[in-house]
Protein backbone atom coordinates (compact mmCIF):
# COMPACT_ATOMS: atom_id res chain seq x y z
CA MET A 1 -14.23 -35.33 12.89
CA ASN A 2 -15.58 -37.10 9.76
CA GLU A 3 -18.06 -34.79 8.33
CA ASN A 4 -20.21 -38.17 7.33
CA GLU A 5 -20.30 -39.19 10.75
CA THR A 6 -22.12 -35.91 11.87
CA ASN A 7 -23.94 -35.28 8.97
CA TRP A 8 -22.92 -31.63 9.14
CA GLY A 9 -21.61 -32.02 5.51
CA ILE A 10 -19.08 -29.05 5.91
CA ALA A 11 -15.76 -29.36 4.36
CA GLY A 12 -12.84 -28.64 6.75
CA HIS A 13 -13.40 -26.54 9.96
CA GLU A 14 -13.64 -29.93 12.09
CA TRP A 15 -12.67 -28.24 15.15
CA ALA A 16 -15.67 -25.66 14.74
CA VAL A 17 -18.30 -28.47 14.18
CA ASP A 18 -16.70 -30.44 17.16
CA TYR A 19 -17.17 -27.33 19.43
CA LEU A 20 -20.75 -26.64 18.31
CA ARG A 21 -21.72 -30.58 18.67
CA ARG A 22 -20.16 -30.96 22.03
CA SER A 23 -21.89 -27.55 23.25
CA LEU A 24 -25.18 -28.88 22.06
CA LEU A 25 -24.60 -32.43 23.36
CA ASN A 26 -23.78 -30.91 26.84
CA GLU A 27 -26.75 -28.57 26.64
CA ARG A 28 -24.04 -25.68 27.11
CA GLY A 29 -24.91 -23.59 23.79
CA ALA A 30 -24.60 -20.12 23.86
CA HIS A 31 -27.48 -17.44 23.42
CA ALA A 32 -25.22 -15.62 20.71
CA TYR A 33 -22.44 -16.86 18.35
CA LEU A 34 -20.06 -15.03 16.03
CA PHE A 35 -18.71 -16.78 13.11
CA ALA A 36 -15.95 -14.68 11.48
CA GLY A 37 -13.59 -14.98 8.67
CA PRO A 38 -12.82 -14.31 5.08
CA ALA A 39 -15.53 -14.23 2.49
CA HIS A 40 -16.53 -17.51 0.82
CA ILE A 41 -14.92 -19.58 3.45
CA GLY A 42 -17.92 -21.54 4.94
CA LYS A 43 -19.38 -19.17 7.69
CA SER A 44 -23.17 -19.10 6.42
CA LEU A 45 -22.92 -22.96 5.91
CA LEU A 46 -21.68 -23.41 9.39
CA ALA A 47 -24.54 -20.96 10.70
CA LEU A 48 -27.00 -22.73 8.57
CA ARG A 49 -26.13 -26.22 9.91
CA LEU A 50 -26.00 -24.82 13.60
CA ALA A 51 -29.83 -23.43 12.81
CA GLN A 52 -30.74 -26.81 11.37
CA ALA A 53 -29.20 -28.66 14.64
CA LEU A 54 -31.39 -26.26 16.64
CA VAL A 55 -34.68 -27.01 14.93
CA CYS A 56 -34.05 -30.53 13.78
CA GLU A 57 -37.29 -32.81 14.45
CA LEU A 58 -34.94 -35.69 15.86
CA GLY A 59 -33.60 -33.48 18.50
CA GLY A 60 -29.79 -34.47 18.59
CA PRO A 61 -26.67 -32.56 18.46
CA ASP A 62 -26.53 -33.13 14.53
CA PRO A 63 -29.08 -31.89 11.76
CA CYS A 64 -30.48 -34.99 10.12
CA ARG A 65 -30.85 -32.60 6.94
CA THR A 66 -33.62 -34.83 5.85
CA CYS A 67 -36.64 -33.92 8.44
CA ARG A 68 -39.20 -31.44 7.50
CA GLY A 69 -37.55 -28.79 9.97
CA CYS A 70 -34.08 -29.24 8.17
CA LYS A 71 -35.38 -28.81 4.80
CA ARG A 72 -37.38 -25.80 5.65
CA ALA A 73 -34.53 -24.27 7.17
CA ALA A 74 -32.34 -24.96 4.09
CA LYS A 75 -34.99 -23.36 1.94
CA GLY A 76 -35.37 -20.40 4.07
CA ASN A 77 -38.96 -20.92 4.88
CA HIS A 78 -38.91 -22.35 8.47
CA PRO A 79 -41.05 -20.16 10.84
CA ASP A 80 -38.25 -20.45 13.69
CA VAL A 81 -35.44 -19.55 11.50
CA ARG A 82 -34.95 -15.93 10.36
CA THR A 83 -32.04 -14.58 8.22
CA MET A 84 -31.31 -10.94 7.65
CA SER A 85 -28.42 -9.64 5.40
CA LEU A 86 -27.57 -6.55 3.12
CA GLU A 87 -29.34 -8.55 0.27
CA HIS A 88 -32.73 -9.04 2.26
CA GLN A 89 -32.32 -5.35 3.26
CA ALA A 90 -32.06 -4.28 -0.26
CA ALA A 91 -34.98 -6.51 -1.52
CA ALA A 92 -37.20 -5.00 1.39
CA ALA A 93 -36.14 -1.41 0.13
CA ALA A 94 -36.68 -2.33 -3.49
CA THR A 95 -40.48 -3.16 -2.59
CA SER A 96 -40.90 0.03 -0.88
CA THR A 97 -39.71 3.19 -2.91
CA LYS A 98 -37.48 3.51 -5.80
CA ALA A 99 -34.98 5.84 -3.96
CA ASP A 100 -34.15 3.29 -1.37
CA ALA A 101 -34.00 0.29 -3.95
CA ALA A 102 -29.95 0.55 -4.48
CA ARG A 103 -28.24 -1.94 -2.18
CA SER A 104 -26.73 -0.08 0.91
CA LYS A 105 -23.37 -0.90 2.39
CA GLU A 106 -24.53 -0.61 5.81
CA LEU A 107 -27.27 -2.43 8.08
CA LYS A 108 -29.50 0.05 9.21
CA ILE A 109 -31.40 0.43 12.33
CA GLY A 110 -34.74 0.01 10.99
CA THR A 111 -33.58 -3.67 9.65
CA ILE A 112 -32.32 -4.69 13.32
CA ARG A 113 -35.55 -3.22 14.83
CA GLU A 114 -37.65 -5.34 12.47
CA TRP A 115 -35.43 -8.30 13.68
CA GLN A 116 -36.00 -7.36 17.40
CA ARG A 117 -39.78 -7.40 16.94
CA ASP A 118 -39.69 -10.90 15.58
CA ILE A 119 -37.41 -12.16 18.35
CA ASP A 120 -39.90 -11.28 20.80
CA LEU A 121 -42.13 -13.99 19.27
CA ARG A 122 -42.04 -17.31 20.95
CA PRO A 123 -41.10 -20.50 18.82
CA PHE A 124 -43.94 -21.60 16.43
CA GLU A 125 -42.92 -25.28 15.89
CA ALA A 126 -39.06 -25.96 17.24
CA ARG A 127 -37.56 -25.82 20.72
CA ARG A 128 -35.50 -22.62 19.84
CA ARG A 129 -35.92 -19.54 17.48
CA VAL A 130 -32.76 -18.96 15.45
CA PHE A 131 -31.62 -15.55 13.97
CA ILE A 132 -28.87 -15.24 11.63
CA LEU A 133 -27.44 -11.91 10.69
CA GLU A 134 -25.18 -12.02 7.72
CA ASP A 135 -22.80 -9.11 7.04
CA ALA A 136 -22.70 -8.32 10.68
CA ASP A 137 -19.55 -6.13 10.16
CA ALA A 138 -21.77 -3.76 8.05
CA LEU A 139 -23.80 -2.75 11.06
CA ASN A 140 -23.67 1.00 11.20
CA GLU A 141 -23.56 2.86 14.56
CA SER A 142 -27.26 3.08 15.60
CA ALA A 143 -27.88 -0.41 14.05
CA ALA A 144 -24.94 -1.83 16.39
CA ASN A 145 -26.30 0.09 19.37
CA ALA A 146 -29.50 -1.54 18.77
CA MET A 147 -28.13 -5.02 18.38
CA LEU A 148 -26.14 -4.65 21.54
CA LYS A 149 -29.53 -4.07 23.41
CA THR A 150 -30.78 -7.44 22.32
CA LEU A 151 -27.59 -9.27 22.80
CA GLU A 152 -27.48 -8.14 26.75
CA GLU A 153 -31.24 -9.55 27.15
CA PRO A 154 -32.10 -11.95 24.59
CA PRO A 155 -35.34 -14.14 25.24
CA PRO A 156 -34.28 -17.77 26.85
CA TYR A 157 -35.58 -19.33 23.86
CA ALA A 158 -33.60 -17.22 21.09
CA VAL A 159 -30.22 -17.98 19.65
CA LEU A 160 -28.65 -15.25 17.47
CA ILE A 161 -25.79 -16.20 14.89
CA LEU A 162 -23.82 -13.06 13.61
CA VAL A 163 -21.70 -13.88 10.52
CA ALA A 164 -19.01 -11.43 9.78
CA HIS A 165 -15.76 -11.12 7.83
CA GLY A 166 -13.79 -9.84 10.67
CA ALA A 167 -14.77 -9.29 14.55
CA GLY A 168 -12.37 -6.38 14.42
CA ASP A 169 -15.07 -4.51 12.45
CA LEU A 170 -17.75 -4.79 15.44
CA LEU A 171 -18.33 -3.18 18.75
CA PRO A 172 -15.93 -4.83 21.01
CA THR A 173 -19.21 -5.04 23.41
CA ILE A 174 -21.08 -7.01 20.84
CA VAL A 175 -17.95 -9.28 20.33
CA SER A 176 -17.71 -9.75 24.16
CA ARG A 177 -21.51 -11.08 24.16
CA CYS A 178 -20.91 -13.78 21.68
CA ARG A 179 -19.23 -16.88 21.48
CA VAL A 180 -16.44 -16.28 18.99
CA LEU A 181 -15.51 -18.87 16.38
CA ARG A 182 -12.81 -17.59 13.82
CA LEU A 183 -12.76 -19.78 10.69
CA ARG A 184 -9.56 -19.69 8.47
CA PRO A 185 -8.89 -20.61 5.03
CA LEU A 186 -8.46 -24.12 4.42
CA PRO A 187 -5.29 -26.12 3.20
CA ARG A 188 -5.23 -26.65 -0.38
CA LYS A 189 -5.24 -30.20 -0.02
CA THR A 190 -8.65 -30.11 1.75
CA VAL A 191 -10.22 -27.85 -0.92
CA ALA A 192 -8.84 -30.26 -3.67
CA HIS A 193 -10.10 -33.37 -1.99
CA THR A 194 -13.37 -32.14 -1.38
CA LEU A 195 -13.80 -30.98 -5.16
CA GLN A 196 -12.55 -34.42 -6.25
CA GLN A 197 -14.88 -36.25 -3.83
CA ARG A 198 -18.00 -34.48 -4.05
CA TYR A 199 -18.01 -32.94 -7.48
CA ASN A 200 -16.08 -35.51 -9.42
CA VAL A 201 -13.46 -32.76 -10.61
CA ALA A 202 -10.35 -34.38 -12.09
CA THR A 203 -7.21 -34.00 -9.75
CA GLU A 204 -5.03 -31.59 -11.91
CA ASP A 205 -8.16 -29.28 -12.32
CA ALA A 206 -9.18 -29.71 -8.70
CA GLU A 207 -5.37 -28.89 -7.68
CA LEU A 208 -5.70 -25.79 -9.76
CA VAL A 209 -8.86 -24.47 -8.42
CA ALA A 210 -7.95 -25.10 -4.87
CA ALA A 211 -4.76 -23.01 -5.49
CA TRP A 212 -6.86 -20.27 -6.81
CA SER A 213 -9.49 -20.26 -3.93
CA GLY A 214 -6.81 -19.16 -1.56
CA GLY A 215 -8.52 -21.71 0.97
CA ARG A 216 -11.93 -20.35 0.36
CA ILE A 217 -14.11 -23.44 -0.07
CA GLY A 218 -17.31 -21.54 -0.91
CA TRP A 219 -15.44 -19.77 -3.97
CA ALA A 220 -14.06 -23.13 -5.15
CA ILE A 221 -17.31 -24.82 -4.93
CA ALA A 222 -19.04 -22.03 -6.59
CA SER A 223 -16.46 -21.88 -9.37
CA VAL A 224 -16.91 -25.53 -10.22
CA GLU A 225 -20.88 -25.27 -10.32
CA ASN A 226 -20.50 -21.98 -12.45
CA PRO A 227 -17.58 -22.50 -14.77
CA ASP A 228 -18.21 -19.02 -16.00
CA LEU A 229 -16.60 -17.63 -12.78
CA LEU A 230 -13.22 -19.09 -13.64
CA ASP A 231 -13.45 -17.68 -16.95
CA GLN A 232 -14.36 -14.33 -15.54
CA GLN A 233 -11.37 -14.58 -13.09
CA GLN A 234 -8.90 -15.22 -15.97
CA GLN A 235 -10.27 -12.25 -18.18
CA ARG A 236 -9.68 -10.02 -14.95
CA LEU A 237 -6.44 -11.24 -14.25
CA ASP A 238 -5.30 -10.61 -17.94
CA GLU A 239 -6.73 -7.21 -17.52
CA LEU A 240 -4.82 -6.36 -14.22
CA VAL A 241 -1.40 -7.73 -15.88
CA ARG A 242 -1.94 -5.33 -18.75
CA LEU A 243 -2.21 -2.64 -16.50
CA GLY A 244 1.46 -2.97 -15.80
CA VAL A 245 2.26 -1.64 -19.44
CA ALA A 246 -0.77 0.37 -20.05
CA SER A 247 -0.70 4.17 -20.54
CA ARG A 248 -1.68 6.75 -17.77
CA VAL A 249 -4.91 7.30 -19.65
CA GLU A 250 -5.83 3.61 -19.65
CA ARG A 251 -5.15 3.21 -15.87
CA MET A 252 -7.21 6.12 -15.14
CA ARG A 253 -10.06 4.72 -17.16
CA TRP A 254 -9.78 1.22 -15.35
CA ALA A 255 -9.87 3.12 -11.89
CA GLU A 256 -12.94 5.00 -12.92
CA GLU A 257 -14.54 1.54 -13.94
CA ARG A 258 -13.73 0.14 -10.53
CA ALA A 259 -15.02 3.03 -8.68
CA LYS A 260 -18.20 2.82 -10.57
CA GLU A 261 -18.44 -0.88 -9.80
CA TYR A 262 -17.70 -0.11 -6.02
CA ARG A 263 -20.44 2.28 -5.57
CA GLY A 264 -22.93 -0.43 -7.05
CA GLU A 265 -21.48 -3.46 -5.48
CA ALA A 266 -18.73 -3.24 -3.16
CA GLY A 267 -17.82 -6.79 -2.95
CA ALA A 268 -16.94 -7.17 -6.79
CA ALA A 269 -14.69 -4.28 -6.78
CA VAL A 270 -12.83 -5.58 -3.59
CA GLU A 271 -12.47 -8.92 -5.46
CA TRP A 272 -10.50 -7.11 -8.05
CA VAL A 273 -8.09 -6.04 -5.48
CA ARG A 274 -7.92 -9.63 -3.79
CA LEU A 275 -6.98 -10.93 -7.16
CA TRP A 276 -4.31 -8.51 -7.83
CA GLN A 277 -2.78 -9.08 -4.37
CA SER A 278 -2.77 -12.86 -5.07
CA TRP A 279 -0.79 -12.18 -8.51
CA TRP A 280 1.63 -9.92 -7.15
CA ARG A 281 2.37 -12.07 -4.10
CA ASP A 282 3.07 -14.98 -6.71
CA VAL A 283 5.58 -12.66 -8.16
CA LEU A 284 7.06 -12.00 -4.59
CA LEU A 285 7.28 -15.74 -4.04
CA VAL A 286 9.05 -16.56 -7.46
CA ARG A 287 11.14 -13.56 -7.03
CA ALA A 288 12.23 -14.82 -3.47
CA GLY A 289 12.98 -18.15 -4.86
CA ASN A 290 9.69 -19.96 -3.52
CA PRO A 291 7.69 -20.79 -6.51
CA HIS A 292 6.08 -23.94 -5.19
CA ALA A 293 3.78 -21.98 -2.93
CA ILE A 294 2.32 -19.79 -5.80
CA THR A 295 -1.39 -19.50 -6.54
CA HIS A 296 -1.55 -19.13 -10.17
CA LEU A 297 -0.08 -22.52 -11.17
CA ASP A 298 -1.07 -22.19 -14.67
CA ARG A 299 0.79 -19.17 -15.18
CA ARG A 300 4.22 -19.90 -13.60
CA HIS A 301 6.15 -19.08 -17.02
CA GLU A 302 4.60 -15.64 -17.03
CA LEU A 303 5.38 -15.07 -13.37
CA GLU A 304 9.11 -16.09 -13.89
CA GLU A 305 9.42 -13.64 -16.71
CA LEU A 306 7.69 -10.83 -14.57
CA ALA A 307 9.85 -11.79 -11.74
CA GLN A 308 13.08 -11.11 -13.41
CA THR A 309 12.17 -7.38 -14.39
CA VAL A 310 11.05 -6.09 -10.86
CA SER A 311 12.99 -5.95 -7.42
CA LEU A 312 11.67 -7.36 -4.27
CA ASP A 313 11.39 -3.95 -3.00
CA GLN A 314 9.30 -2.69 -5.72
CA VAL A 315 6.99 -5.78 -5.42
CA GLN A 316 6.60 -5.48 -1.51
CA ARG A 317 5.88 -1.61 -1.96
CA PHE A 318 3.11 -2.49 -4.27
CA LEU A 319 1.75 -5.15 -2.06
CA GLN A 320 1.48 -2.48 0.53
CA GLN A 321 -0.31 0.00 -2.01
CA LEU A 322 -2.93 -2.97 -2.31
CA ASP A 323 -3.22 -3.24 1.28
CA ALA A 324 -3.77 0.54 1.73
CA VAL A 325 -6.69 0.36 -1.04
CA HIS A 326 -8.79 -2.02 1.45
CA GLU A 327 -8.04 0.37 4.24
CA GLN A 328 -9.22 3.24 2.57
CA LEU A 329 -12.36 1.74 1.06
CA ALA A 330 -13.15 0.68 4.44
CA ALA A 331 -12.56 4.08 5.72
CA ASN A 332 -15.13 5.63 3.18
CA VAL A 333 -12.06 7.35 1.15
CA ASN A 334 -13.39 8.36 -2.32
CA PRO A 335 -13.00 4.99 -4.19
CA GLN A 336 -11.97 6.70 -7.59
CA LEU A 337 -8.86 8.25 -5.72
CA ALA A 338 -8.07 5.01 -4.02
CA PHE A 339 -7.97 3.12 -7.15
CA GLU A 340 -6.24 5.82 -9.32
CA ASN A 341 -3.52 5.94 -6.67
CA VAL A 342 -2.66 2.24 -6.78
CA THR A 343 -2.55 1.97 -10.55
CA LEU A 344 0.03 4.76 -10.74
CA HIS A 345 2.20 2.56 -8.59
CA VAL A 346 2.25 -0.65 -10.58
CA PRO A 347 5.74 -1.89 -10.95
CA ALA A 348 6.84 -1.92 -14.56
């Protein structure tokens, strides 16, 4: 469905927009939704658009995005649209005690209980009250159980939207009480077209950023709006490539830096691993004779040279090591040990 016809303003994910529109049009909307998918793929924007549609003053299945209700929802100050996330939790902690100011990697039960108190209030202006929970996959056990109680008996006027990187990290009982929409990375052509049409990015640059994005439209747009992100990625990739010829001491130092970064901001450290994976997948593609699908189009020559020095088996085993880092960090393994271990297995 054409985004200009519906005014949802979302690039790609047409099936999800169409599904939500039909649900609202037929008055068969759910009391709870779960939008799951990789980071920066458009989940939060879809949640906002659904919230706007529910509080829009025109009352249709599409948000007009121009009425007072839609504008206030977009700015985060609509009285009937409440958003909670790890960032909000950290901001609230910072205003209380210095000891709690550091950003937690878990959504805590106190945050959910505050949410629940707000849910009990009837709408102030709109027909519905909308509650968006970002980082839902970060709910700790007690917070998840508290959330489950809300999902079991929600007020008739409330709509809950959970946003998570993966439904598998949530309690199955929570997932079963939500209408689940799993968003997937967009085709490169869709990302590139969006960058060209909306942001006047030159064709060659749009294709390059689209390849780098891995189908994550949010990342691509952020990179165009802030070119420093692209420079940072290239600098990080240079550093990762150099690890292949670095000394043991240099590798251990890198692992120590990533561990410190992870303890302060887990997402930033995980992004290093994602970038590393994309590089070695490219090496694998080139080594296997399929260079047309690579991500780092601007480094084709460098990839070809590296592919000649390593075997398919070496690359596959290292990619498995990188996958293991994700699992280890999710299982709360000591981050420095996890990063040290992977640096020692870089193919050389």
